Amino acid sequence: MALYKVIKDSEIEIIKEKPFKLEKEIQAITEKNLSKIFNLILVKSELSINNFRLDTLAFDRQSNSFVIIEYKKDKSFSVIDQGYSYLSLMLNNKADFILEYNENTKSNLKRNEVDWSQSKVIFISPSFTIYQRESINFKDLPIELWEVKRFENNTIAYDKIKTTGATESIKTISKKDNQIKKVSNEIKVYTEEEHIQKGIEEIQELYLKFKDAIFNLGEIEIKTVQNWIGFIAATNFVDFEIQKKAIKIHINLKKGELEDTKGITRDVSKLGHFGNGDYEIRIKDDENLEYIMSLIKQSYKKNKNQYGY
């Protein structure tokens, strides 16, 4: 996507791309801004384990899982082969990854506190080939591709490569590849469709009504983890936990930040719960859809503005 700037009298001028010379440039910018770009925390840069060198080891506190990030400028590598090699390395050396986390974050993370099933690999590159883009077209692949571009006005854009209507499972090719089969047995990618299917038909329709309303707010991404579907604009602003006959909505604002004049939210700041934020609403119908959307919009604006969007 081309970028332009207005110079005078509504005339525009294209902003030229300023290519990265080295992978290290991409790595330095990404690691310094991991929380803003991916909502991850940095564990270690340049981690060496068993003759492998991982560019960046990060941790996702929302899913309690590790994320491996690799930076590429060349286009001659297989994202599937390399991604599954890294995931296999992680699953075979869990204690080493936990040790790195504890030593570098001054924490006391225990093995059973990590959700290894939601581990994933992110590849970041200025561009990917058509073959690489097509190779990730599976509905349950624990690998993401992100393109990064820098422009002459000091603007940097990170764009996730989206799968195009993926319906095939990676397990269909795992029969021919023992490494993919082994990793797939332990790692589970949760899809939006799986969450939706938890509810009866009325609940499924109710979720889709809210989804349509939320997507009208602006440019939004969806993130699915084991227990909820998250809607993201810079970071999560609302999460949906779909149950058989109800939906729990978690609004990602801290206690005291939400203006709820009708008092329909529940304070869960001191309770264990799925999703993000201190406010919860349990719904079974669309009676308060517009009002609930006004609450969600408060979170959308605050979380989006938090990162200067």
C-alpha atoms as a PDB file:
ATOM      1  CA  MET A   1       0.000   0.000   0.000  1.00  0.00           C
ATOM      2  CA  ALA A   2       1.421   3.355  -1.070  1.00  0.00           C
ATOM      3  CA  LEU A   3       1.659   6.198   1.455  1.00  0.00           C
ATOM      4  CA  TYR A   4       1.157   9.855   0.585  1.00  0.00           C
ATOM      5  CA  LYS A   5       1.505  13.192   2.353  1.00  0.00           C
ATOM      6  CA  VAL A   6      -0.396  16.398   1.672  1.00  0.00           C
ATOM      7  CA  ILE A   7       1.991  19.197   0.648  1.00  0.00           C
ATOM      8  CA  LYS A   8      -0.268  22.161  -0.278  1.00  0.00           C
ATOM      9  CA  ASP A   9      -3.692  22.949  -1.712  1.00  0.00           C
ATOM     10  CA  SER A  10      -4.778  19.322  -1.297  1.00  0.00           C
ATOM     11  CA  GLU A  11      -1.937  18.139  -3.526  1.00  0.00           C
ATOM     12  CA  ILE A  12      -0.284  14.921  -2.395  1.00  0.00           C
ATOM     13  CA  GLU A  13       3.184  13.504  -2.752  1.00  0.00           C
ATOM     14  CA  ILE A  14       4.171   9.858  -2.414  1.00  0.00           C
ATOM     15  CA  ILE A  15       6.272   8.914   0.595  1.00  0.00           C
ATOM     16  CA  LYS A  16       9.093   6.755  -0.692  1.00  0.00           C
ATOM     17  CA  GLU A  17      10.078   3.534   0.974  1.00  0.00           C
ATOM     18  CA  LYS A  18      13.414   3.528   2.809  1.00  0.00           C
ATOM     19  CA  PRO A  19      14.487  -0.132   2.698  1.00  0.00           C
ATOM     20  CA  PHE A  20      16.250  -1.796   5.594  1.00  0.00           C
ATOM     21  CA  LYS A  21      19.860  -2.632   4.833  1.00  0.00           C
ATOM     22  CA  LEU A  22      20.241  -5.292   7.512  1.00  0.00           C
ATOM     23  CA  GLU A  23      18.046  -7.741   9.405  1.00  0.00           C
ATOM     24  CA  LYS A  24      19.554  -6.310  12.589  1.00  0.00           C
ATOM     25  CA  GLU A  25      17.788  -2.995  11.966  1.00  0.00           C
ATOM     26  CA  ILE A  26      14.420  -4.729  11.861  1.00  0.00           C
ATOM     27  CA  GLN A  27      15.288  -6.751  14.949  1.00  0.00           C
ATOM     28  CA  ALA A  28      16.397  -3.740  16.999  1.00  0.00           C
ATOM     29  CA  ILE A  29      13.230  -1.760  16.260  1.00  0.00           C
ATOM     30  CA  THR A  30      10.945  -4.728  16.852  1.00  0.00           C
ATOM     31  CA  GLU A  31      12.525  -5.817  20.134  1.00  0.00           C
ATOM     32  CA  LYS A  32      12.471  -2.299  21.549  1.00  0.00           C
ATOM     33  CA  ASN A  33       8.752  -1.994  20.745  1.00  0.00           C
ATOM     34  CA  LEU A  34       7.484  -5.540  21.255  1.00  0.00           C
ATOM     35  CA  SER A  35       4.727  -4.496  23.655  1.00  0.00           C
ATOM     36  CA  LYS A  36       3.408  -1.835  21.277  1.00  0.00           C
ATOM     37  CA  ILE A  37       3.537  -3.925  18.117  1.00  0.00           C
ATOM     38  CA  PHE A  38       2.604  -7.402  19.353  1.00  0.00           C
ATOM     39  CA  ASN A  39       1.646  -6.930  23.017  1.00  0.00           C
ATOM     40  CA  LEU A  40       4.511  -9.275  23.954  1.00  0.00           C
ATOM     41  CA  ILE A  41       7.337  -9.020  26.473  1.00  0.00           C
ATOM     42  CA  LEU A  42      10.948  -9.544  25.465  1.00  0.00           C
ATOM     43  CA  VAL A  43      12.618 -12.553  27.114  1.00  0.00           C
ATOM     44  CA  LYS A  44      15.933 -12.686  25.276  1.00  0.00           C
ATOM     45  CA  SER A  45      17.610 -11.578  22.085  1.00  0.00           C
ATOM     46  CA  GLU A  46      19.886 -14.027  20.249  1.00  0.00           C
ATOM     47  CA  LEU A  47      19.109 -17.179  22.218  1.00  0.00           C
ATOM     48  CA  SER A  48      21.313 -20.189  21.420  1.00  0.00           C
ATOM     49  CA  ILE A  49      20.071 -23.720  22.190  1.00  0.00           C
ATOM     50  CA  ASN A  50      21.364 -26.991  20.718  1.00  0.00           C
ATOM     51  CA  ASN A  51      23.115 -25.405  17.727  1.00  0.00           C
ATOM     52  CA  PHE A  52      20.048 -23.283  16.969  1.00  0.00           C
ATOM     53  CA  ARG A  53      20.074 -19.500  17.263  1.00  0.00           C
ATOM     54  CA  LEU A  54      16.720 -17.817  17.806  1.00  0.00           C
ATOM     55  CA  ASP A  55      16.604 -14.122  16.942  1.00  0.00           C
ATOM     56  CA  THR A  56      14.046 -13.146  19.588  1.00  0.00           C
ATOM     57  CA  LEU A  57      12.345 -15.081  22.354  1.00  0.00           C
ATOM     58  CA  ALA A  58       9.187 -13.379  23.619  1.00  0.00           C
ATOM     59  CA  PHE A  59       6.307 -14.255  25.920  1.00  0.00           C
ATOM     60  CA  ASP A  60       2.575 -13.657  25.531  1.00  0.00           C
ATOM     61  CA  ARG A  61       1.055 -13.043  28.958  1.00  0.00           C
ATOM     62  CA  GLN A  62      -2.471 -13.218  27.577  1.00  0.00           C
ATOM     63  CA  SER A  63      -2.073 -16.834  26.491  1.00  0.00           C
ATOM     64  CA  ASN A  64       0.825 -17.689  28.851  1.00  0.00           C
ATOM     65  CA  SER A  65       2.861 -18.980  25.944  1.00  0.00           C
ATOM     66  CA  PHE A  66       6.257 -18.446  24.309  1.00  0.00           C
ATOM     67  CA  VAL A  67       6.651 -16.776  20.930  1.00  0.00           C
ATOM     68  CA  ILE A  68       9.738 -17.137  18.730  1.00  0.00           C
ATOM     69  CA  ILE A  69      10.412 -14.264  16.319  1.00  0.00           C
ATOM     70  CA  GLU A  70      12.710 -14.516  13.306  1.00  0.00           C
ATOM     71  CA  TYR A  71      13.754 -11.696  10.954  1.00  0.00           C
ATOM     72  CA  LYS A  72      14.448 -12.360   7.272  1.00  0.00           C
ATOM     73  CA  LYS A  73      15.663 -10.354   4.296  1.00  0.00           C
ATOM     74  CA  ASP A  74      16.372 -13.266   1.962  1.00  0.00           C
ATOM     75  CA  LYS A  75      13.469 -15.190   0.433  1.00  0.00           C
ATOM     76  CA  SER A  76      14.960 -18.644  -0.004  1.00  0.00           C
ATOM     77  CA  PHE A  77      13.740 -20.268   3.199  1.00  0.00           C
ATOM     78  CA  SER A  78      10.704 -22.443   3.930  1.00  0.00           C
ATOM     79  CA  VAL A  79       8.565 -20.902   6.672  1.00  0.00           C
ATOM     80  CA  ILE A  80       6.943 -24.282   7.376  1.00  0.00           C
ATOM     81  CA  ASP A  81      10.194 -26.240   7.737  1.00  0.00           C
ATOM     82  CA  GLN A  82      11.974 -23.585   9.775  1.00  0.00           C
ATOM     83  CA  GLY A  83       8.934 -22.739  11.888  1.00  0.00           C
ATOM     84  CA  TYR A  84       8.303 -26.336  12.899  1.00  0.00           C
ATOM     85  CA  SER A  85      12.006 -26.880  13.610  1.00  0.00           C
ATOM     86  CA  TYR A  86      11.885 -24.014  16.116  1.00  0.00           C
ATOM     87  CA  LEU A  87       8.671 -25.270  17.708  1.00  0.00           C
ATOM     88  CA  SER A  88      10.119 -28.766  17.997  1.00  0.00           C
ATOM     89  CA  LEU A  89      13.224 -27.289  19.617  1.00  0.00           C
ATOM     90  CA  MET A  90      11.048 -25.475  22.153  1.00  0.00           C
ATOM     91  CA  LEU A  91       8.912 -28.468  23.039  1.00  0.00           C
ATOM     92  CA  ASN A  92      12.014 -30.646  23.524  1.00  0.00           C
ATOM     93  CA  ASN A  93      13.728 -28.060  25.739  1.00  0.00           C
ATOM     94  CA  LYS A  94      10.953 -26.607  27.873  1.00  0.00           C
ATOM     95  CA  ALA A  95      13.102 -26.273  30.990  1.00  0.00           C
ATOM     96  CA  ASP A  96      15.649 -24.136  29.123  1.00  0.00           C
ATOM     97  CA  PHE A  97      12.968 -21.744  27.898  1.00  0.00           C
ATOM     98  CA  ILE A  98      11.507 -21.371  31.382  1.00  0.00           C
ATOM     99  CA  LEU A  99      14.970 -20.771  32.805  1.00  0.00           C
ATOM    100  CA  GLU A 100      15.579 -18.017  30.245  1.00  0.00           C
ATOM    101  CA  TYR A 101      12.265 -16.418  31.152  1.00  0.00           C
ATOM    102  CA  ASN A 102      12.929 -16.491  34.882  1.00  0.00           C
ATOM    103  CA  GLU A 103      16.495 -15.217  34.624  1.00  0.00           C
ATOM    104  CA  ASN A 104      15.701 -12.392  32.200  1.00  0.00           C
ATOM    105  CA  THR A 105      12.416 -11.190  33.669  1.00  0.00           C
ATOM    106  CA  LYS A 106      13.293 -11.827  37.338  1.00  0.00           C
ATOM    107  CA  SER A 107      10.212 -14.038  37.671  1.00  0.00           C
ATOM    108  CA  ASN A 108       9.357 -17.467  38.994  1.00  0.00           C
ATOM    109  CA  LEU A 109       7.442 -19.041  36.125  1.00  0.00           C
ATOM    110  CA  LYS A 110       6.689 -22.739  36.628  1.00  0.00           C
ATOM    111  CA  ARG A 111       6.467 -25.361  33.892  1.00  0.00           C
ATOM    112  CA  ASN A 112       2.767 -26.048  34.477  1.00  0.00           C
ATOM    113  CA  GLU A 113       1.964 -22.330  34.205  1.00  0.00           C
ATOM    114  CA  VAL A 114       2.990 -22.244  30.543  1.00  0.00           C
ATOM    115  CA  ASP A 115       0.423 -23.127  27.896  1.00  0.00           C
ATOM    116  CA  TRP A 116       2.764 -24.876  25.496  1.00  0.00           C
ATOM    117  CA  SER A 117      -0.158 -25.681  23.191  1.00  0.00           C
ATOM    118  CA  GLN A 118      -0.355 -22.022  22.139  1.00  0.00           C
ATOM    119  CA  SER A 119       3.313 -21.575  21.248  1.00  0.00           C
ATOM    120  CA  LYS A 120       3.940 -19.953  17.885  1.00  0.00           C
ATOM    121  CA  VAL A 121       6.574 -18.572  15.520  1.00  0.00           C
ATOM    122  CA  ILE A 122       6.462 -15.140  13.869  1.00  0.00           C
ATOM    123  CA  PHE A 123       8.537 -14.371  10.768  1.00  0.00           C
ATOM    124  CA  ILE A 124       9.131 -10.692   9.996  1.00  0.00           C
ATOM    125  CA  SER A 125      10.449  -9.609   6.604  1.00  0.00           C
ATOM    126  CA  PRO A 126      10.226  -6.642   4.204  1.00  0.00           C
ATOM    127  CA  SER A 127       8.460  -9.022   1.799  1.00  0.00           C
ATOM    128  CA  PHE A 128       7.507 -12.647   1.275  1.00  0.00           C
ATOM    129  CA  THR A 129       7.247 -14.667  -1.920  1.00  0.00           C
ATOM    130  CA  ILE A 130       3.932 -15.935  -3.293  1.00  0.00           C
ATOM    131  CA  TYR A 131       5.052 -19.446  -2.349  1.00  0.00           C
ATOM    132  CA  GLN A 132       5.710 -18.422   1.265  1.00  0.00           C
ATOM    133  CA  ARG A 133       2.346 -16.656   1.477  1.00  0.00           C
ATOM    134  CA  GLU A 134       0.512 -19.675   0.102  1.00  0.00           C
ATOM    135  CA  SER A 135       2.388 -22.082   2.370  1.00  0.00           C
ATOM    136  CA  ILE A 136       0.675 -20.650   5.489  1.00  0.00           C
ATOM    137  CA  ASN A 137      -2.832 -21.098   4.109  1.00  0.00           C
ATOM    138  CA  PHE A 138      -3.935 -23.509   6.838  1.00  0.00           C
ATOM    139  CA  LYS A 139      -6.585 -22.780   9.458  1.00  0.00           C
ATOM    140  CA  ASP A 140      -4.505 -24.158  12.345  1.00  0.00           C
ATOM    141  CA  LEU A 141      -0.921 -23.152  11.566  1.00  0.00           C
ATOM    142  CA  PRO A 142       1.076 -21.838  14.574  1.00  0.00           C
ATOM    143  CA  ILE A 143       3.123 -19.617  12.262  1.00  0.00           C
ATOM    144  CA  GLU A 144       2.530 -15.973  11.320  1.00  0.00           C
ATOM    145  CA  LEU A 145       4.106 -13.843   8.585  1.00  0.00           C
ATOM    146  CA  TRP A 146       4.448 -10.082   9.079  1.00  0.00           C
ATOM    147  CA  GLU A 147       5.773  -7.640   6.493  1.00  0.00           C
ATOM    148  CA  VAL A 148       7.587  -4.567   7.758  1.00  0.00           C
ATOM    149  CA  LYS A 149       8.341  -1.474   5.693  1.00  0.00           C
ATOM    150  CA  ARG A 150      10.114   1.765   6.533  1.00  0.00           C
ATOM    151  CA  PHE A 151       9.429   5.074   4.799  1.00  0.00           C
ATOM    152  CA  GLU A 152      11.367   8.297   4.376  1.00  0.00           C
ATOM    153  CA  ASN A 153       9.206  10.235   6.838  1.00  0.00           C
ATOM    154  CA  ASN A 154      10.329   7.901   9.679  1.00  0.00           C
ATOM    155  CA  THR A 155       7.130   5.860   9.456  1.00  0.00           C
ATOM    156  CA  ILE A 156       7.229   2.084   9.908  1.00  0.00           C
ATOM    157  CA  ALA A 157       4.355  -0.250   9.052  1.00  0.00           C
ATOM    158  CA  TYR A 158       3.853  -3.830  10.267  1.00  0.00           C
ATOM    159  CA  ASP A 159       1.248  -5.800   8.309  1.00  0.00           C
ATOM    160  CA  LYS A 160       0.183  -9.366   9.048  1.00  0.00           C
ATOM    161  CA  ILE A 161      -0.181 -11.624   6.016  1.00  0.00           C
ATOM    162  CA  LYS A 162      -3.703 -13.006   6.214  1.00  0.00           C
ATOM    163  CA  THR A 163      -4.722 -16.471   5.092  1.00  0.00           C
ATOM    164  CA  THR A 164      -7.247 -16.473   2.262  1.00  0.00           C
ATOM    165  CA  GLY A 165     -10.233 -18.504   3.408  1.00  0.00           C
ATOM    166  CA  ALA A 166      -8.106 -21.285   4.872  1.00  0.00           C
ATOM    167  CA  THR A 167     -10.125 -24.442   5.558  1.00  0.00           C
ATOM    168  CA  GLU A 168      -7.432 -27.141   5.334  1.00  0.00           C
ATOM    169  CA  SER A 169      -5.703 -28.411   8.460  1.00  0.00           C
ATOM    170  CA  ILE A 170      -1.903 -28.661   8.695  1.00  0.00           C
ATOM    171  CA  LYS A 171      -2.528 -32.194   9.966  1.00  0.00           C
ATOM    172  CA  THR A 172      -3.343 -33.258   6.412  1.00  0.00           C
ATOM    173  CA  ILE A 173       0.357 -33.048   5.549  1.00  0.00           C
ATOM    174  CA  SER A 174       1.668 -34.185   8.920  1.00  0.00           C
ATOM    175  CA  LYS A 175       1.360 -37.834   7.900  1.00  0.00           C
ATOM    176  CA  LYS A 176       4.315 -37.292   5.596  1.00  0.00           C
ATOM    177  CA  ASP A 177       6.391 -35.279   8.051  1.00  0.00           C
ATOM    178  CA  ASN A 178       7.146 -36.709  11.491  1.00  0.00           C
ATOM    179  CA  GLN A 179       8.312 -33.350  12.881  1.00  0.00           C
ATOM    180  CA  ILE A 180       5.078 -31.590  11.897  1.00  0.00           C
ATOM    181  CA  LYS A 181       3.080 -34.530  13.259  1.00  0.00           C
ATOM    182  CA  LYS A 182       4.866 -34.455  16.609  1.00  0.00           C
ATOM    183  CA  VAL A 183       4.506 -30.701  17.044  1.00  0.00           C
ATOM    184  CA  SER A 184       0.857 -30.746  15.893  1.00  0.00           C
ATOM    185  CA  ASN A 185       0.049 -33.309  18.578  1.00  0.00           C
ATOM    186  CA  GLU A 186       1.076 -30.817  21.266  1.00  0.00           C
ATOM    187  CA  ILE A 187       0.331 -27.401  19.765  1.00  0.00           C
ATOM    188  CA  LYS A 188      -3.246 -26.315  19.199  1.00  0.00           C
ATOM    189  CA  VAL A 189      -4.306 -23.251  17.198  1.00  0.00           C
ATOM    190  CA  TYR A 190      -7.742 -22.107  18.329  1.00  0.00           C
ATOM    191  CA  THR A 191     -10.021 -20.672  15.639  1.00  0.00           C
ATOM    192  CA  GLU A 192     -12.913 -18.229  15.838  1.00  0.00           C
ATOM    193  CA  GLU A 193     -15.198 -20.860  14.319  1.00  0.00           C
ATOM    194  CA  GLU A 194     -14.417 -23.323  17.122  1.00  0.00           C
ATOM    195  CA  HIS A 195     -15.384 -20.725  19.716  1.00  0.00           C
ATOM    196  CA  ILE A 196     -18.594 -19.820  17.885  1.00  0.00           C
ATOM    197  CA  GLN A 197     -19.636 -23.485  17.739  1.00  0.00           C
ATOM    198  CA  LYS A 198     -19.689 -23.631  21.555  1.00  0.00           C
ATOM    199  CA  GLY A 199     -22.948 -21.679  21.585  1.00  0.00           C
ATOM    200  CA  ILE A 200     -26.418 -22.645  20.510  1.00  0.00           C
ATOM    201  CA  GLU A 201     -27.701 -21.057  17.292  1.00  0.00           C
ATOM    202  CA  GLU A 202     -29.121 -17.984  19.051  1.00  0.00           C
ATOM    203  CA  ILE A 203     -25.826 -17.329  20.817  1.00  0.00           C
ATOM    204  CA  GLN A 204     -23.883 -17.733  17.570  1.00  0.00           C
ATOM    205  CA  GLU A 205     -26.115 -15.133  15.898  1.00  0.00           C
ATOM    206  CA  LEU A 206     -25.759 -12.831  18.903  1.00  0.00           C
ATOM    207  CA  TYR A 207     -21.961 -12.961  18.698  1.00  0.00           C
ATOM    208  CA  LEU A 208     -22.021 -12.195  14.971  1.00  0.00           C
ATOM    209  CA  LYS A 209     -24.232  -9.136  15.601  1.00  0.00           C
ATOM    210  CA  PHE A 210     -21.688  -7.774  18.065  1.00  0.00           C
ATOM    211  CA  LYS A 211     -18.826  -8.657  15.737  1.00  0.00           C
ATOM    212  CA  ASP A 212     -20.395  -6.659  12.890  1.00  0.00           C
ATOM    213  CA  ALA A 213     -20.957  -3.683  15.201  1.00  0.00           C
ATOM    214  CA  ILE A 214     -17.388  -3.827  16.501  1.00  0.00           C
ATOM    215  CA  PHE A 215     -15.894  -3.990  13.012  1.00  0.00           C
ATOM    216  CA  ASN A 216     -17.723  -0.755  12.194  1.00  0.00           C
ATOM    217  CA  LEU A 217     -15.549   1.024  14.785  1.00  0.00           C
ATOM    218  CA  GLY A 218     -12.441   0.951  12.583  1.00  0.00           C
ATOM    219  CA  GLU A 219      -9.546  -1.248  11.509  1.00  0.00           C
ATOM    220  CA  ILE A 220      -9.629  -4.191  13.893  1.00  0.00           C
ATOM    221  CA  GLU A 221      -7.887  -7.563  14.158  1.00  0.00           C
ATOM    222  CA  ILE A 222      -9.176 -10.718  15.832  1.00  0.00           C
ATOM    223  CA  LYS A 223      -7.047 -12.838  18.152  1.00  0.00           C
ATOM    224  CA  THR A 224      -8.233 -16.252  19.324  1.00  0.00           C
ATOM    225  CA  VAL A 225      -6.748 -18.093  22.272  1.00  0.00           C
ATOM    226  CA  GLN A 226      -7.949 -21.079  24.237  1.00  0.00           C
ATOM    227  CA  ASN A 227     -10.774 -19.440  26.159  1.00  0.00           C
ATOM    228  CA  TRP A 228     -11.772 -16.259  24.332  1.00  0.00           C
ATOM    229  CA  ILE A 229     -11.915 -14.246  21.134  1.00  0.00           C
ATOM    230  CA  GLY A 230     -10.157 -10.891  21.374  1.00  0.00           C
ATOM    231  CA  PHE A 231     -10.740  -7.774  19.284  1.00  0.00           C
ATOM    232  CA  ILE A 232      -7.593  -5.706  18.838  1.00  0.00           C
ATOM    233  CA  ALA A 233      -6.891  -2.098  17.872  1.00  0.00           C
ATOM    234  CA  ALA A 234      -3.282  -1.544  18.993  1.00  0.00           C
ATOM    235  CA  THR A 235      -4.145  -3.955  21.858  1.00  0.00           C
ATOM    236  CA  ASN A 236      -7.166  -5.926  23.082  1.00  0.00           C
ATOM    237  CA  PHE A 237     -10.089  -3.656  23.897  1.00  0.00           C
ATOM    238  CA  VAL A 238     -12.807  -6.304  24.314  1.00  0.00           C
ATOM    239  CA  ASP A 239     -12.875 -10.099  24.605  1.00  0.00           C
ATOM    240  CA  PHE A 240     -15.753 -12.536  24.083  1.00  0.00           C
ATOM    241  CA  GLU A 241     -16.070 -15.815  25.970  1.00  0.00           C
ATOM    242  CA  ILE A 242     -18.767 -17.841  24.210  1.00  0.00           C
ATOM    243  CA  GLN A 243     -20.716 -20.310  26.316  1.00  0.00           C
ATOM    244  CA  LYS A 244     -23.536 -22.646  25.311  1.00  0.00           C
ATOM    245  CA  LYS A 245     -26.399 -20.316  26.261  1.00  0.00           C
ATOM    246  CA  ALA A 246     -24.663 -17.017  27.028  1.00  0.00           C
ATOM    247  CA  ILE A 247     -21.705 -14.786  26.188  1.00  0.00           C
ATOM    248  CA  LYS A 248     -19.349 -13.168  28.649  1.00  0.00           C
ATOM    249  CA  ILE A 249     -17.954  -9.865  27.407  1.00  0.00           C
ATOM    250  CA  HIS A 250     -14.796  -8.574  29.072  1.00  0.00           C
ATOM    251  CA  ILE A 251     -14.107  -4.869  28.564  1.00  0.00           C
ATOM    252  CA  ASN A 252     -10.402  -4.085  28.791  1.00  0.00           C
ATOM    253  CA  LEU A 253     -10.430  -1.088  31.115  1.00  0.00           C
ATOM    254  CA  LYS A 254      -9.217  -0.850  34.678  1.00  0.00           C
ATOM    255  CA  LYS A 255     -11.619  -0.358  37.561  1.00  0.00           C
ATOM    256  CA  GLY A 256     -12.835   3.240  37.587  1.00  0.00           C
ATOM    257  CA  GLU A 257     -12.111   3.907  33.908  1.00  0.00           C
ATOM    258  CA  LEU A 258     -15.501   2.867  32.485  1.00  0.00           C
ATOM    259  CA  GLU A 259     -18.564   5.099  32.550  1.00  0.00           C
ATOM    260  CA  ASP A 260     -21.430   2.626  32.955  1.00  0.00           C
ATOM    261  CA  THR A 261     -24.509   4.719  33.810  1.00  0.00           C
ATOM    262  CA  LYS A 262     -26.861   1.719  33.708  1.00  0.00           C
ATOM    263  CA  GLY A 263     -24.619  -0.348  35.958  1.00  0.00           C
ATOM    264  CA  ILE A 264     -24.837  -3.503  33.829  1.00  0.00           C
ATOM    265  CA  THR A 265     -21.170  -4.474  34.188  1.00  0.00           C
ATOM    266  CA  ARG A 266     -19.704  -6.591  36.957  1.00  0.00           C
ATOM    267  CA  ASP A 267     -16.460  -5.727  38.734  1.00  0.00           C
ATOM    268  CA  VAL A 268     -14.114  -8.690  38.276  1.00  0.00           C
ATOM    269  CA  SER A 269     -10.926  -6.859  39.244  1.00  0.00           C
ATOM    270  CA  LYS A 270     -10.415  -9.167  42.223  1.00  0.00           C
ATOM    271  CA  LEU A 271     -11.739 -12.322  40.614  1.00  0.00           C
ATOM    272  CA  GLY A 272     -10.014 -14.828  38.389  1.00  0.00           C
ATOM    273  CA  HIS A 273     -11.503 -14.734  34.908  1.00  0.00           C
ATOM    274  CA  PHE A 274     -10.728 -15.239  31.240  1.00  0.00           C
ATOM    275  CA  GLY A 275     -10.181 -12.236  28.998  1.00  0.00           C
ATOM    276  CA  ASN A 276      -8.745  -8.814  29.759  1.00  0.00           C
ATOM    277  CA  GLY A 277      -9.987  -5.945  31.870  1.00  0.00           C
ATOM    278  CA  ASP A 278     -11.884  -5.389  35.108  1.00  0.00           C
ATOM    279  CA  TYR A 279     -15.409  -5.268  33.665  1.00  0.00           C
ATOM    280  CA  GLU A 280     -17.617  -8.209  32.696  1.00  0.00           C
ATOM    281  CA  ILE A 281     -21.071  -8.400  31.110  1.00  0.00           C
ATOM    282  CA  ARG A 282     -23.039 -11.630  30.685  1.00  0.00           C
ATOM    283  CA  ILE A 283     -25.603 -11.524  27.883  1.00  0.00           C
ATOM    284  CA  LYS A 284     -28.177 -13.873  26.344  1.00  0.00           C
ATOM    285  CA  ASP A 285     -29.849 -11.499  23.864  1.00  0.00           C
ATOM    286  CA  ASP A 286     -29.314  -8.227  21.995  1.00  0.00           C
ATOM    287  CA  GLU A 287     -31.608  -6.126  24.212  1.00  0.00           C
ATOM    288  CA  ASN A 288     -28.775  -3.818  25.311  1.00  0.00           C
ATOM    289  CA  LEU A 289     -26.647  -4.103  22.178  1.00  0.00           C
ATOM    290  CA  GLU A 290     -26.405  -0.369  21.486  1.00  0.00           C
ATOM    291  CA  TYR A 291     -25.649   0.495  25.106  1.00  0.00           C
ATOM    292  CA  ILE A 292     -23.050  -2.275  25.425  1.00  0.00           C
ATOM    293  CA  MET A 293     -21.455  -1.037  22.203  1.00  0.00           C
ATOM    294  CA  SER A 294     -21.147   2.410  23.810  1.00  0.00           C
ATOM    295  CA  LEU A 295     -19.167   0.769  26.636  1.00  0.00           C
ATOM    296  CA  ILE A 296     -17.016  -1.188  24.193  1.00  0.00           C
ATOM    297  CA  LYS A 297     -16.386   2.028  22.254  1.00  0.00           C
ATOM    298  CA  GLN A 298     -14.962   3.648  25.400  1.00  0.00           C
ATOM    299  CA  SER A 299     -12.432   0.838  25.658  1.00  0.00           C
ATOM    300  CA  TYR A 300     -11.709   0.986  21.925  1.00  0.00           C
ATOM    301  CA  LYS A 301     -10.876   4.705  22.083  1.00  0.00           C
ATOM    302  CA  LYS A 302      -8.777   4.478  25.249  1.00  0.00           C
ATOM    303  CA  ASN A 303      -6.733   1.449  24.200  1.00  0.00           C
ATOM    304  CA  LYS A 304      -6.216   2.782  20.693  1.00  0.00           C
ATOM    305  CA  ASN A 305      -5.156   6.234  21.910  1.00  0.00           C
ATOM    306  CA  GLN A 306      -2.827   4.673  24.477  1.00  0.00           C
ATOM    307  CA  TYR A 307      -0.429   3.861  21.657  1.00  0.00           C
ATOM    308  CA  GLY A 308      -0.989   7.071  19.728  1.00  0.00           C
ATOM    309  CA  TYR A 309      -3.182   5.604  16.985  1.00  0.00           C
END
